Structures are given as structure tokens and as C-alpha cells.
Amino acid sequence: MLLRVKVNDFQFSAVPVTDKIIVSEISSGARFFETPIPKEVKGFESTMTFLEISIGARILMIIKKLGGRSYAKGSQTFKRVCC
């Protein structure tokens, strides 16, 4: 299952793999981060809540840390700084 996460003007994919979620930036394909899936997250509703509260907030924090403008300059800058 591939989930799309949109934070401001940025789009990411969130792919659950066994016991973790891999988050990547869509346009460049750069891996953003991995995070374990808590055992309490089961089913659609709890997954959506986890994505909104945990994954979305973490993405927003990283974008703010990198600076939205430097991130938006292109995937090469993003890959150098983040990955």
C-alpha cells in the first residue's frame, strides 16, 4: 500500500514495510526517513491518525529546519542535506 502525504506544497510517499514506514519525497524519489510503526497502529483509521500526527509533523519539522526555500530549489540540494 502506498500512501501520499502532503505537507504545505510538498508531497511525500509513505510505504509501510513490515514493521516500519519509509517516507520519500515524490518528485525526486529521495528517501526522507524511516520510522517504526507502533504496535497500537492497526487498521485504516489508526494509520491515518499516525500519519497525520507523527509523520506529517516530523516532515514539517524537517522542512522548517532545512528551510522551505532551500528545499524547493531542487532535489539535489535536498539529497545533499538530508540523505
N, C-alpha and C. Protein backbone atom coordinates (compact mmCIF):
# COMPACT_ATOMS: atom_id res chain seq x y z
N MET A 1 0.85 -1.17 0.00
CA MET A 1 0.00 0.00 0.00
C MET A 1 0.90 1.23 0.00
N LEU A 2 0.63 2.15 -0.87
CA LEU A 2 1.36 3.42 -0.96
C LEU A 2 0.43 4.53 -0.51
N LEU A 3 0.90 5.31 0.45
CA LEU A 3 0.12 6.43 0.95
C LEU A 3 0.80 7.72 0.55
N ARG A 4 0.02 8.71 0.18
CA ARG A 4 0.57 10.01 -0.21
C ARG A 4 0.32 10.98 0.94
N VAL A 5 1.39 11.68 1.32
CA VAL A 5 1.32 12.66 2.40
C VAL A 5 1.68 14.02 1.82
N LYS A 6 0.79 14.99 2.00
CA LYS A 6 1.05 16.34 1.50
C LYS A 6 1.23 17.27 2.70
N VAL A 7 2.37 17.96 2.71
CA VAL A 7 2.65 18.95 3.76
C VAL A 7 2.98 20.24 3.05
N ASN A 8 2.12 21.24 3.24
CA ASN A 8 2.23 22.51 2.52
C ASN A 8 2.27 22.21 1.02
N ASP A 9 3.32 22.64 0.30
CA ASP A 9 3.40 22.40 -1.14
C ASP A 9 4.20 21.15 -1.48
N PHE A 10 4.62 20.39 -0.49
CA PHE A 10 5.48 19.24 -0.71
C PHE A 10 4.68 17.95 -0.62
N GLN A 11 5.05 16.97 -1.46
CA GLN A 11 4.36 15.68 -1.45
C GLN A 11 5.35 14.56 -1.19
N PHE A 12 4.92 13.63 -0.35
CA PHE A 12 5.75 12.52 0.05
C PHE A 12 4.95 11.23 -0.07
N SER A 13 5.67 10.13 -0.24
CA SER A 13 5.02 8.83 -0.19
C SER A 13 5.40 8.18 1.12
N ALA A 14 4.47 7.45 1.69
CA ALA A 14 4.70 6.70 2.92
C ALA A 14 4.37 5.25 2.62
N VAL A 15 5.38 4.40 2.64
CA VAL A 15 5.19 3.00 2.28
C VAL A 15 5.43 2.12 3.50
N PRO A 16 4.40 1.43 3.98
CA PRO A 16 4.61 0.51 5.10
C PRO A 16 5.35 -0.74 4.63
N VAL A 17 6.44 -1.07 5.34
CA VAL A 17 7.23 -2.25 5.03
C VAL A 17 7.45 -2.99 6.34
N THR A 18 6.86 -4.17 6.47
CA THR A 18 6.92 -5.00 7.67
C THR A 18 6.59 -4.20 8.92
N ASP A 19 7.59 -3.72 9.66
CA ASP A 19 7.34 -3.04 10.92
C ASP A 19 7.76 -1.57 10.91
N LYS A 20 7.91 -1.00 9.71
CA LYS A 20 8.32 0.41 9.61
C LYS A 20 7.62 1.06 8.43
N ILE A 21 7.68 2.39 8.39
CA ILE A 21 7.17 3.16 7.27
C ILE A 21 8.35 3.92 6.67
N ILE A 22 8.51 3.80 5.36
CA ILE A 22 9.56 4.52 4.65
C ILE A 22 8.91 5.73 3.98
N VAL A 23 9.43 6.91 4.28
CA VAL A 23 8.88 8.15 3.74
C VAL A 23 9.88 8.71 2.73
N SER A 24 9.40 8.97 1.51
CA SER A 24 10.25 9.50 0.43
C SER A 24 9.57 10.72 -0.19
N GLU A 25 10.40 11.61 -0.73
CA GLU A 25 9.89 12.77 -1.44
C GLU A 25 9.49 12.31 -2.84
N ILE A 26 8.32 12.68 -3.31
CA ILE A 26 7.77 12.12 -4.55
C ILE A 26 8.52 12.56 -5.80
N SER A 27 8.79 13.84 -5.96
CA SER A 27 9.36 14.29 -7.24
C SER A 27 10.78 13.80 -7.47
N SER A 28 11.59 13.68 -6.40
CA SER A 28 12.97 13.22 -6.58
C SER A 28 13.15 11.75 -6.25
N GLY A 29 12.24 11.20 -5.46
CA GLY A 29 12.38 9.82 -5.01
C GLY A 29 13.34 9.67 -3.85
N ALA A 30 13.87 10.78 -3.34
CA ALA A 30 14.84 10.74 -2.24
C ALA A 30 14.17 10.22 -0.98
N ARG A 31 14.85 9.29 -0.31
CA ARG A 31 14.32 8.77 0.96
C ARG A 31 14.47 9.85 2.02
N PHE A 32 13.36 10.17 2.67
CA PHE A 32 13.34 11.24 3.67
C PHE A 32 13.72 10.67 5.03
N PHE A 33 13.00 9.63 5.46
CA PHE A 33 13.33 8.94 6.71
C PHE A 33 12.52 7.66 6.83
N GLU A 34 12.89 6.85 7.81
CA GLU A 34 12.14 5.65 8.17
C GLU A 34 11.71 5.80 9.62
N THR A 35 10.57 5.23 9.93
CA THR A 35 10.10 5.26 11.32
C THR A 35 9.39 3.95 11.63
N PRO A 36 9.59 3.43 12.84
CA PRO A 36 8.88 2.20 13.21
C PRO A 36 7.38 2.45 13.35
N ILE A 37 6.61 1.42 13.06
CA ILE A 37 5.16 1.50 13.24
C ILE A 37 4.83 1.02 14.64
N PRO A 38 4.21 1.86 15.46
CA PRO A 38 3.85 1.42 16.81
C PRO A 38 2.88 0.25 16.76
N LYS A 39 2.96 -0.63 17.73
CA LYS A 39 2.08 -1.81 17.76
C LYS A 39 0.62 -1.44 17.87
N GLU A 40 0.35 -0.25 18.42
CA GLU A 40 -1.04 0.20 18.58
C GLU A 40 -1.69 0.58 17.26
N VAL A 41 -0.90 0.81 16.22
CA VAL A 41 -1.43 1.24 14.93
C VAL A 41 -1.87 0.00 14.15
N LYS A 42 -3.18 -0.15 14.06
CA LYS A 42 -3.77 -1.27 13.32
C LYS A 42 -5.02 -0.75 12.63
N GLY A 43 -5.13 -1.02 11.37
CA GLY A 43 -6.30 -0.59 10.64
C GLY A 43 -6.16 0.79 10.04
N PHE A 44 -7.12 1.12 9.20
CA PHE A 44 -7.08 2.36 8.41
C PHE A 44 -7.11 3.61 9.28
N GLU A 45 -8.05 3.67 10.20
CA GLU A 45 -8.23 4.88 11.00
C GLU A 45 -7.01 5.21 11.85
N SER A 46 -6.46 4.21 12.53
CA SER A 46 -5.28 4.48 13.37
C SER A 46 -4.05 4.79 12.52
N THR A 47 -3.97 4.20 11.31
CA THR A 47 -2.86 4.52 10.41
C THR A 47 -2.94 5.96 9.95
N MET A 48 -4.12 6.43 9.58
CA MET A 48 -4.29 7.82 9.15
C MET A 48 -3.96 8.79 10.29
N THR A 49 -4.37 8.47 11.49
CA THR A 49 -4.06 9.31 12.64
C THR A 49 -2.55 9.35 12.88
N PHE A 50 -1.89 8.20 12.79
CA PHE A 50 -0.43 8.14 12.96
C PHE A 50 0.27 8.96 11.89
N LEU A 51 -0.19 8.86 10.65
CA LEU A 51 0.43 9.64 9.57
C LEU A 51 0.27 11.13 9.82
N GLU A 52 -0.91 11.55 10.23
CA GLU A 52 -1.16 12.97 10.44
C GLU A 52 -0.36 13.51 11.63
N ILE A 53 -0.41 12.81 12.74
CA ILE A 53 0.21 13.32 13.97
C ILE A 53 1.72 13.13 13.97
N SER A 54 2.16 11.95 13.63
CA SER A 54 3.59 11.65 13.75
C SER A 54 4.37 11.96 12.48
N ILE A 55 3.97 11.36 11.37
CA ILE A 55 4.72 11.51 10.12
C ILE A 55 4.61 12.93 9.58
N GLY A 56 3.40 13.47 9.49
CA GLY A 56 3.21 14.82 8.98
C GLY A 56 3.95 15.85 9.80
N ALA A 57 3.89 15.73 11.11
CA ALA A 57 4.58 16.68 11.99
C ALA A 57 6.09 16.57 11.82
N ARG A 58 6.60 15.36 11.68
CA ARG A 58 8.04 15.18 11.50
C ARG A 58 8.51 15.76 10.17
N ILE A 59 7.74 15.54 9.12
CA ILE A 59 8.07 16.11 7.81
C ILE A 59 8.10 17.63 7.90
N LEU A 60 7.08 18.21 8.51
CA LEU A 60 7.01 19.67 8.64
C LEU A 60 8.21 20.20 9.43
N MET A 61 8.59 19.52 10.49
CA MET A 61 9.73 19.94 11.30
C MET A 61 11.02 19.92 10.48
N ILE A 62 11.22 18.88 9.67
CA ILE A 62 12.42 18.77 8.85
C ILE A 62 12.43 19.85 7.77
N ILE A 63 11.29 20.09 7.14
CA ILE A 63 11.22 21.14 6.11
C ILE A 63 11.55 22.50 6.72
N LYS A 64 11.00 22.78 7.89
CA LYS A 64 11.30 24.05 8.56
C LYS A 64 12.77 24.15 8.92
N LYS A 65 13.35 23.03 9.36
CA LYS A 65 14.76 23.01 9.73
C LYS A 65 15.65 23.28 8.52
N LEU A 66 15.32 22.65 7.39
CA LEU A 66 16.09 22.84 6.16
C LEU A 66 15.79 24.18 5.52
N GLY A 67 14.62 24.70 5.77
CA GLY A 67 14.18 25.94 5.14
C GLY A 67 13.43 25.59 3.87
N GLY A 68 12.17 25.91 3.82
CA GLY A 68 11.33 25.57 2.67
C GLY A 68 11.90 26.04 1.35
N ARG A 69 12.53 27.20 1.34
CA ARG A 69 13.06 27.74 0.08
C ARG A 69 14.24 26.92 -0.42
N SER A 70 15.16 26.54 0.49
CA SER A 70 16.31 25.75 0.04
C SER A 70 15.85 24.38 -0.42
N TYR A 71 14.84 23.84 0.24
CA TYR A 71 14.29 22.55 -0.17
C TYR A 71 13.67 22.66 -1.55
N ALA A 72 12.95 23.74 -1.79
CA ALA A 72 12.23 23.90 -3.05
C ALA A 72 13.17 24.16 -4.22
N LYS A 73 14.44 24.49 -3.98
CA LYS A 73 15.38 24.76 -5.08
C LYS A 73 15.63 23.52 -5.93
N GLY A 74 15.42 22.37 -5.36
CA GLY A 74 15.61 21.17 -6.17
C GLY A 74 16.00 19.98 -5.34
N SER A 75 15.83 18.83 -5.93
CA SER A 75 16.07 17.59 -5.20
C SER A 75 17.55 17.38 -4.91
N GLN A 76 18.46 17.95 -5.68
CA GLN A 76 19.88 17.75 -5.41
C GLN A 76 20.27 18.39 -4.08
N THR A 77 19.78 19.58 -3.83
CA THR A 77 20.05 20.23 -2.54
C THR A 77 19.47 19.39 -1.42
N PHE A 78 18.27 18.92 -1.62
CA PHE A 78 17.60 18.09 -0.61
C PHE A 78 18.41 16.83 -0.34
N LYS A 79 18.85 16.16 -1.38
CA LYS A 79 19.60 14.92 -1.20
C LYS A 79 20.91 15.16 -0.47
N ARG A 80 21.59 16.27 -0.75
CA ARG A 80 22.86 16.56 -0.08
C ARG A 80 22.64 16.80 1.40
N VAL A 81 21.59 17.53 1.75
CA VAL A 81 21.37 17.93 3.14
C VAL A 81 20.76 16.80 3.95
N CYS A 82 19.81 16.11 3.37
CA CYS A 82 19.01 15.18 4.16
C CYS A 82 19.47 13.73 4.09
N CYS A 83 19.92 13.29 2.96
CA CYS A 83 20.10 11.85 2.79
C CYS A 83 21.54 11.42 2.66
